[in-house]
C-alpha atoms as a PDB file:
ATOM      1  CA  MET A   1     -35.516 -17.913 -22.174  1.00  0.00           C
ATOM      2  CA  VAL A   2     -35.921 -14.275 -21.613  1.00  0.00           C
ATOM      3  CA  ILE A   3     -33.102 -12.728 -19.704  1.00  0.00           C
ATOM      4  CA  SER A   4     -34.008  -9.458 -17.765  1.00  0.00           C
ATOM      5  CA  ALA A   5     -31.988  -6.332 -17.690  1.00  0.00           C
ATOM      6  CA  ASP A   6     -31.750  -6.604 -13.931  1.00  0.00           C
ATOM      7  CA  GLN A   7     -30.098 -10.016 -14.127  1.00  0.00           C
ATOM      8  CA  VAL A   8     -27.547  -8.834 -16.669  1.00  0.00           C
ATOM      9  CA  LYS A   9     -26.799  -5.676 -14.292  1.00  0.00           C
ATOM     10  CA  ALA A  10     -26.383  -8.125 -11.366  1.00  0.00           C
ATOM     11  CA  LEU A  11     -24.059 -10.417 -13.248  1.00  0.00           C
ATOM     12  CA  ARG A  12     -22.135  -7.366 -14.734  1.00  0.00           C
ATOM     13  CA  GLU A  13     -21.705  -5.938 -11.022  1.00  0.00           C
ATOM     14  CA  LYS A  14     -20.478  -9.326  -9.770  1.00  0.00           C
ATOM     15  CA  THR A  15     -18.009 -10.100 -12.500  1.00  0.00           C
ATOM     16  CA  GLY A  16     -17.112  -6.815 -14.339  1.00  0.00           C
ATOM     17  CA  ALA A  17     -18.043  -8.459 -17.683  1.00  0.00           C
ATOM     18  CA  GLY A  18     -19.381  -6.451 -20.413  1.00  0.00           C
ATOM     19  CA  ILE A  19     -23.128  -6.163 -21.134  1.00  0.00           C
ATOM     20  CA  MET A  20     -23.183  -8.434 -24.126  1.00  0.00           C
ATOM     21  CA  ASP A  21     -20.910 -10.988 -22.511  1.00  0.00           C
ATOM     22  CA  SER A  22     -23.129 -11.015 -19.432  1.00  0.00           C
ATOM     23  CA  LYS A  23     -26.223 -11.495 -21.502  1.00  0.00           C
ATOM     24  CA  ARG A  24     -24.742 -14.382 -23.584  1.00  0.00           C
ATOM     25  CA  ALA A  25     -23.500 -16.080 -20.475  1.00  0.00           C
ATOM     26  CA  LEU A  26     -26.932 -16.035 -18.804  1.00  0.00           C
ATOM     27  CA  GLN A  27     -28.594 -17.168 -22.125  1.00  0.00           C
ATOM     28  CA  GLU A  28     -26.177 -20.080 -22.334  1.00  0.00           C
ATOM     29  CA  THR A  29     -26.773 -21.145 -18.803  1.00  0.00           C
ATOM     30  CA  GLU A  30     -30.589 -20.572 -18.992  1.00  0.00           C
ATOM     31  CA  GLY A  31     -30.569 -17.679 -16.429  1.00  0.00           C
ATOM     32  CA  ASP A  32     -28.411 -19.415 -13.802  1.00  0.00           C
ATOM     33  CA  MET A  33     -26.404 -16.762 -12.063  1.00  0.00           C
ATOM     34  CA  GLY A  34     -23.833 -19.176 -10.663  1.00  0.00           C
ATOM     35  CA  LYS A  35     -23.249 -21.032 -13.762  1.00  0.00           C
ATOM     36  CA  ALA A  36     -23.097 -17.763 -15.792  1.00  0.00           C
ATOM     37  CA  GLU A  37     -20.430 -16.452 -13.352  1.00  0.00           C
ATOM     38  CA  ALA A  38     -18.356 -19.559 -13.512  1.00  0.00           C
ATOM     39  CA  LEU A  39     -18.768 -19.410 -17.464  1.00  0.00           C
ATOM     40  CA  LEU A  40     -17.545 -15.693 -17.587  1.00  0.00           C
ATOM     41  CA  GLN A  41     -14.641 -16.577 -15.367  1.00  0.00           C
ATOM     42  CA  ALA A  42     -13.520 -19.454 -17.434  1.00  0.00           C
ATOM     43  CA  GLN A  43     -13.789 -17.213 -20.470  1.00  0.00           C
ATOM     44  CA  GLY A  44     -11.879 -14.497 -18.753  1.00  0.00           C
ATOM     45  CA  LEU A  45      -9.165 -16.875 -17.534  1.00  0.00           C
ATOM     46  CA  ALA A  46      -8.716 -18.257 -21.200  1.00  0.00           C
ATOM     47  CA  LYS A  47      -8.293 -14.550 -22.386  1.00  0.00           C
ATOM     48  CA  ALA A  48      -5.858 -13.952 -19.597  1.00  0.00           C
ATOM     49  CA  GLY A  49      -3.568 -16.826 -20.809  1.00  0.00           C
ATOM     50  CA  ARG A  50      -3.379 -15.198 -24.394  1.00  0.00           C
ATOM     51  CA  LYS A  51      -2.535 -11.609 -22.677  1.00  0.00           C
ATOM     52  CA  GLY A  52       0.494 -13.136 -20.840  1.00  0.00           C
ATOM     53  CA  ASP A  53       2.872 -12.158 -23.435  1.00  0.00           C
ATOM     54  CA  ARG A  54       1.984  -8.446 -23.757  1.00  0.00           C
ATOM     55  CA  GLN A  55       4.110  -5.806 -22.252  1.00  0.00           C
ATOM     56  CA  ALA A  56       2.970  -4.513 -18.887  1.00  0.00           C
ATOM     57  CA  LEU A  57       5.063  -1.166 -18.517  1.00  0.00           C
ATOM     58  CA  GLN A  58       2.446   0.907 -16.677  1.00  0.00           C
ATOM     59  CA  GLY A  59       0.896   0.409 -13.121  1.00  0.00           C
ATOM     60  CA  VAL A  60       1.318   1.533  -9.522  1.00  0.00           C
ATOM     61  CA  ILE A  61       3.569   1.276  -6.636  1.00  0.00           C
ATOM     62  CA  GLU A  62       1.230   0.340  -3.755  1.00  0.00           C
ATOM     63  CA  PRO A  63       2.205   0.972  -0.144  1.00  0.00           C
ATOM     64  CA  TYR A  64       0.555  -0.839   2.815  1.00  0.00           C
ATOM     65  CA  VAL A  65       1.487  -0.148   6.547  1.00  0.00           C
ATOM     66  CA  HIS A  66       0.081  -2.130   9.282  1.00  0.00           C
ATOM     67  CA  GLY A  67      -0.004  -0.444  12.738  1.00  0.00           C
ATOM     68  CA  GLY A  68       3.129   1.395  11.968  1.00  0.00           C
ATOM     69  CA  ARG A  69       5.343  -1.624  12.663  1.00  0.00           C
ATOM     70  CA  ILE A  70       5.110  -3.499   9.270  1.00  0.00           C
ATOM     71  CA  GLY A  71       5.126  -1.947   6.034  1.00  0.00           C
ATOM     72  CA  ALA A  72       5.128  -3.214   2.269  1.00  0.00           C
ATOM     73  CA  LEU A  73       5.768  -1.780  -1.143  1.00  0.00           C
ATOM     74  CA  VAL A  74       4.717  -3.602  -4.286  1.00  0.00           C
ATOM     75  CA  GLU A  75       5.092  -2.773  -7.969  1.00  0.00           C
ATOM     76  CA  VAL A  76       2.004  -4.039 -10.033  1.00  0.00           C
ATOM     77  CA  ASN A  77       2.190  -3.501 -13.566  1.00  0.00           C
ATOM     78  CA  CYS A  78      -0.415  -3.526 -16.269  1.00  0.00           C
ATOM     79  CA  GLU A  79      -0.457  -2.432 -20.077  1.00  0.00           C
ATOM     80  CA  THR A  80      -2.097   1.143 -19.833  1.00  0.00           C
ATOM     81  CA  ASP A  81      -2.109   3.997 -17.372  1.00  0.00           C
ATOM     82  CA  PHE A  82      -5.958   4.147 -17.882  1.00  0.00           C
ATOM     83  CA  VAL A  83      -6.259   0.626 -16.287  1.00  0.00           C
ATOM     84  CA  ALA A  84      -3.560   1.546 -13.691  1.00  0.00           C
ATOM     85  CA  ARG A  85      -5.991   4.307 -12.406  1.00  0.00           C
ATOM     86  CA  THR A  86      -9.125   2.248 -12.107  1.00  0.00           C
ATOM     87  CA  PRO A  87     -10.352   1.269  -8.622  1.00  0.00           C
ATOM     88  CA  ASP A  88     -10.349  -2.435  -9.495  1.00  0.00           C
ATOM     89  CA  PHE A  89      -6.610  -2.421 -10.301  1.00  0.00           C
ATOM     90  CA  LYS A  90      -5.732  -0.069  -7.255  1.00  0.00           C
ATOM     91  CA  ALA A  91      -7.692  -2.593  -4.948  1.00  0.00           C
ATOM     92  CA  LEU A  92      -5.806  -5.632  -6.542  1.00  0.00           C
ATOM     93  CA  ALA A  93      -2.456  -3.839  -5.868  1.00  0.00           C
ATOM     94  CA  HIS A  94      -3.644  -3.075  -2.145  1.00  0.00           C
ATOM     95  CA  ASP A  95      -4.472  -6.573  -1.441  1.00  0.00           C
ATOM     96  CA  ILE A  96      -1.171  -7.713  -2.853  1.00  0.00           C
ATOM     97  CA  ALA A  97       0.681  -5.200  -0.683  1.00  0.00           C
ATOM     98  CA  MET A  98      -1.320  -6.403   2.417  1.00  0.00           C
ATOM     99  CA  GLN A  99      -0.521  -9.769   1.503  1.00  0.00           C
ATOM    100  CA  VAL A 100       3.204  -9.157   1.432  1.00  0.00           C
ATOM    101  CA  ALA A 101       3.030  -7.303   4.770  1.00  0.00           C
ATOM    102  CA  ALA A 102       1.188 -10.354   6.318  1.00  0.00           C
ATOM    103  CA  MET A 103       2.854 -13.305   4.835  1.00  0.00           C
ATOM    104  CA  ASN A 104       6.480 -12.190   4.257  1.00  0.00           C
ATOM    105  CA  PRO A 105       7.223 -13.793   1.090  1.00  0.00           C
ATOM    106  CA  ARG A 106      10.713 -14.255  -0.179  1.00  0.00           C
ATOM    107  CA  TYR A 107      10.115 -14.385  -4.072  1.00  0.00           C
ATOM    108  CA  VAL A 108       7.384 -13.077  -6.507  1.00  0.00           C
ATOM    109  CA  SER A 109       7.137 -16.321  -8.542  1.00  0.00           C
ATOM    110  CA  SER A 110       8.521 -19.816  -8.663  1.00  0.00           C
ATOM    111  CA  ASP A 111      10.762 -18.782 -11.342  1.00  0.00           C
ATOM    112  CA  ASP A 112      12.459 -16.351  -9.241  1.00  0.00           C
ATOM    113  CA  VAL A 113      13.623 -19.151  -6.701  1.00  0.00           C
ATOM    114  CA  PRO A 114      17.264 -19.786  -7.287  1.00  0.00           C
ATOM    115  CA  GLU A 115      18.037 -23.468  -7.746  1.00  0.00           C
ATOM    116  CA  SER A 116      20.748 -23.100  -5.019  1.00  0.00           C
ATOM    117  CA  ASP A 117      18.077 -22.108  -2.481  1.00  0.00           C
ATOM    118  CA  LEU A 118      15.743 -25.169  -3.306  1.00  0.00           C
ATOM    119  CA  ALA A 119      17.450 -27.786  -1.071  1.00  0.00           C
ATOM    120  CA  GLY A 120      17.563 -25.408   1.812  1.00  0.00           C
ATOM    121  CA  LEU A 121      13.773 -24.364   1.414  1.00  0.00           C
ATOM    122  CA  GLU A 122      12.721 -28.231   1.126  1.00  0.00           C
ATOM    123  CA  SER A 123      14.503 -28.923   4.477  1.00  0.00           C
ATOM    124  CA  GLU A 124      12.848 -25.854   6.104  1.00  0.00           C
ATOM    125  CA  PHE A 125       9.452 -26.594   4.877  1.00  0.00           C
ATOM    126  CA  GLY A 126       9.352 -30.343   4.298  1.00  0.00           C
ATOM    127  CA  SER A 127       8.664 -30.376   0.588  1.00  0.00           C
ATOM    128  CA  ARG A 128       9.261 -28.453  -2.435  1.00  0.00           C
ATOM    129  CA  GLU A 129       5.586 -27.654  -2.657  1.00  0.00           C
ATOM    130  CA  ASP A 130       5.086 -26.452   0.806  1.00  0.00           C
ATOM    131  CA  ALA A 131       8.174 -24.295   0.386  1.00  0.00           C
ATOM    132  CA  MET A 132       6.784 -22.713  -2.704  1.00  0.00           C
ATOM    133  CA  LYS A 133       3.533 -21.963  -0.928  1.00  0.00           C
ATOM    134  CA  ALA A 134       5.169 -20.421   1.894  1.00  0.00           C
ATOM    135  CA  THR A 135       7.778 -18.370   0.217  1.00  0.00           C
ATOM    136  CA  VAL A 136       6.411 -17.433  -3.095  1.00  0.00           C
ATOM    137  CA  LEU A 137       3.997 -14.694  -3.389  1.00  0.00           C
ATOM    138  CA  LEU A 138       1.886 -15.848  -6.438  1.00  0.00           C
ATOM    139  CA  GLU A 139       1.694 -19.279  -4.779  1.00  0.00           C
ATOM    140  CA  GLN A 140       0.440 -18.126  -1.300  1.00  0.00           C
ATOM    141  CA  THR A 141      -3.028 -18.540  -0.138  1.00  0.00           C
ATOM    142  CA  PHE A 142      -4.660 -15.150  -0.325  1.00  0.00           C
ATOM    143  CA  ILE A 143      -5.224 -13.940   3.322  1.00  0.00           C
ATOM    144  CA  ARG A 144      -8.650 -12.753   2.655  1.00  0.00           C
ATOM    145  CA  ASP A 145      -9.981 -15.793   0.578  1.00  0.00           C
ATOM    146  CA  SER A 146      -8.503 -19.347   1.590  1.00  0.00           C
ATOM    147  CA  LYS A 147      -9.898 -20.557  -1.647  1.00  0.00           C
ATOM    148  CA  SER A 148      -7.717 -18.425  -3.958  1.00  0.00           C
ATOM    149  CA  THR A 149      -3.998 -17.792  -4.267  1.00  0.00           C
ATOM    150  CA  ILE A 150      -2.311 -14.540  -5.178  1.00  0.00           C
ATOM    151  CA  GLY A 151      -1.793 -16.005  -8.610  1.00  0.00           C
ATOM    152  CA  ASP A 152      -5.614 -16.528  -8.917  1.00  0.00           C
ATOM    153  CA  LEU A 153      -6.190 -13.045  -7.762  1.00  0.00           C
ATOM    154  CA  VAL A 154      -3.879 -11.655 -10.692  1.00  0.00           C
ATOM    155  CA  LYS A 155      -5.585 -13.992 -13.158  1.00  0.00           C
ATOM    156  CA  ASN A 156      -8.981 -12.715 -12.165  1.00  0.00           C
ATOM    157  CA  GLY A 157      -7.782  -9.099 -12.403  1.00  0.00           C
ATOM    158  CA  ILE A 158      -6.436  -9.830 -15.976  1.00  0.00           C
ATOM    159  CA  ALA A 159      -9.826 -11.473 -16.907  1.00  0.00           C
ATOM    160  CA  LYS A 160     -11.918  -8.576 -15.313  1.00  0.00           C
ATOM    161  CA  LEU A 161      -9.607  -5.674 -16.562  1.00  0.00           C
ATOM    162  CA  GLY A 162      -8.647  -7.110 -20.004  1.00  0.00           C
ATOM    163  CA  GLU A 163      -4.987  -6.467 -19.740  1.00  0.00           C
ATOM    164  CA  ASN A 164      -1.744  -8.218 -18.745  1.00  0.00           C
ATOM    165  CA  ILE A 165      -1.039  -7.675 -15.213  1.00  0.00           C
ATOM    166  CA  GLN A 166       2.247  -8.654 -13.476  1.00  0.00           C
ATOM    167  CA  VAL A 167       3.662  -8.451  -9.878  1.00  0.00           C
ATOM    168  CA  THR A 168       7.187  -7.196 -10.778  1.00  0.00           C
ATOM    169  CA  ARG A 169       8.678  -6.741  -7.178  1.00  0.00           C
ATOM    170  CA  PHE A 170       8.179  -6.133  -3.557  1.00  0.00           C
ATOM    171  CA  ALA A 171       9.801  -4.879  -0.432  1.00  0.00           C
ATOM    172  CA  ARG A 172       8.744  -5.599   3.367  1.00  0.00           C
ATOM    173  CA  PHE A 173       9.916  -3.712   6.293  1.00  0.00           C
ATOM    174  CA  GLU A 174       9.256  -4.719   9.921  1.00  0.00           C
ATOM    175  CA  LEU A 175      10.339  -2.673  12.897  1.00  0.00           C
ATOM    176  CA  GLY A 176      13.489  -3.944  14.293  1.00  0.00           C
ATOM    177  CA  ALA A 177      13.803  -6.954  12.011  1.00  0.00           C
ATOM    178  CA  ASP A 178      16.998  -8.079  10.829  1.00  0.00           C
ATOM    179  CA  ARG A 179      18.985  -6.315  13.250  1.00  0.00           C
ATOM    180  CA  PRO A 180      21.418  -7.822  15.762  1.00  0.00           C
ATOM    181  CA  ALA A 181      20.224  -7.744  19.491  1.00  0.00           C
ATOM    182  CA  ALA A 182      21.857  -4.815  21.289  1.00  0.00           C
ATOM    183  CA  GLU A 183      24.687  -5.813  23.616  1.00  0.00           C
ATOM    184  CA  PRO A 184      24.251  -5.192  27.333  1.00  0.00           C
ATOM    185  CA  THR A 185      26.184  -2.346  28.611  1.00  0.00           C
ATOM    186  CA  GLY A 186      28.458  -3.300  31.674  1.00  0.00           C
ATOM    187  CA  ALA A 187      28.166  -1.864  35.107  1.00  0.00           C
END
């Protein structure tokens, strides 16, 4: 089957894959754009798994403020400052900061949850699985796409950008939160 340059270009724009990878995927799937996209994603996720051990010391600290009342800062790391400056990486960091502001996670990954907190979280949310989905950033459903988690978003970023990407830490601020109520002054 002959693959046109327009097909390759369309697949590249959708996935961020290279020219030859896009052409190869289209040839393997006989020009089926959906199957080619799935194939590239599967290949990218396989590559992402191999990149997980590499050091990620560059990156950005991304702020997000919603309505002047809720704000978040996230540190998202990658391997090189070149990737940290790309629009795709910045968009990923922005989406993660927005997630933190909206969903108020307590931990970055399930590895960060102290064993001593598990019983309390299970009783609060009903099960360990529900507790992880509610309190662990990488396990949370992405607010812009209910079919993906933040962990999936990071893996897709790794596949697209070709570097190890890690969410290192975050902070969330909400106006007036965590303050005791003011005592009424007497008359």
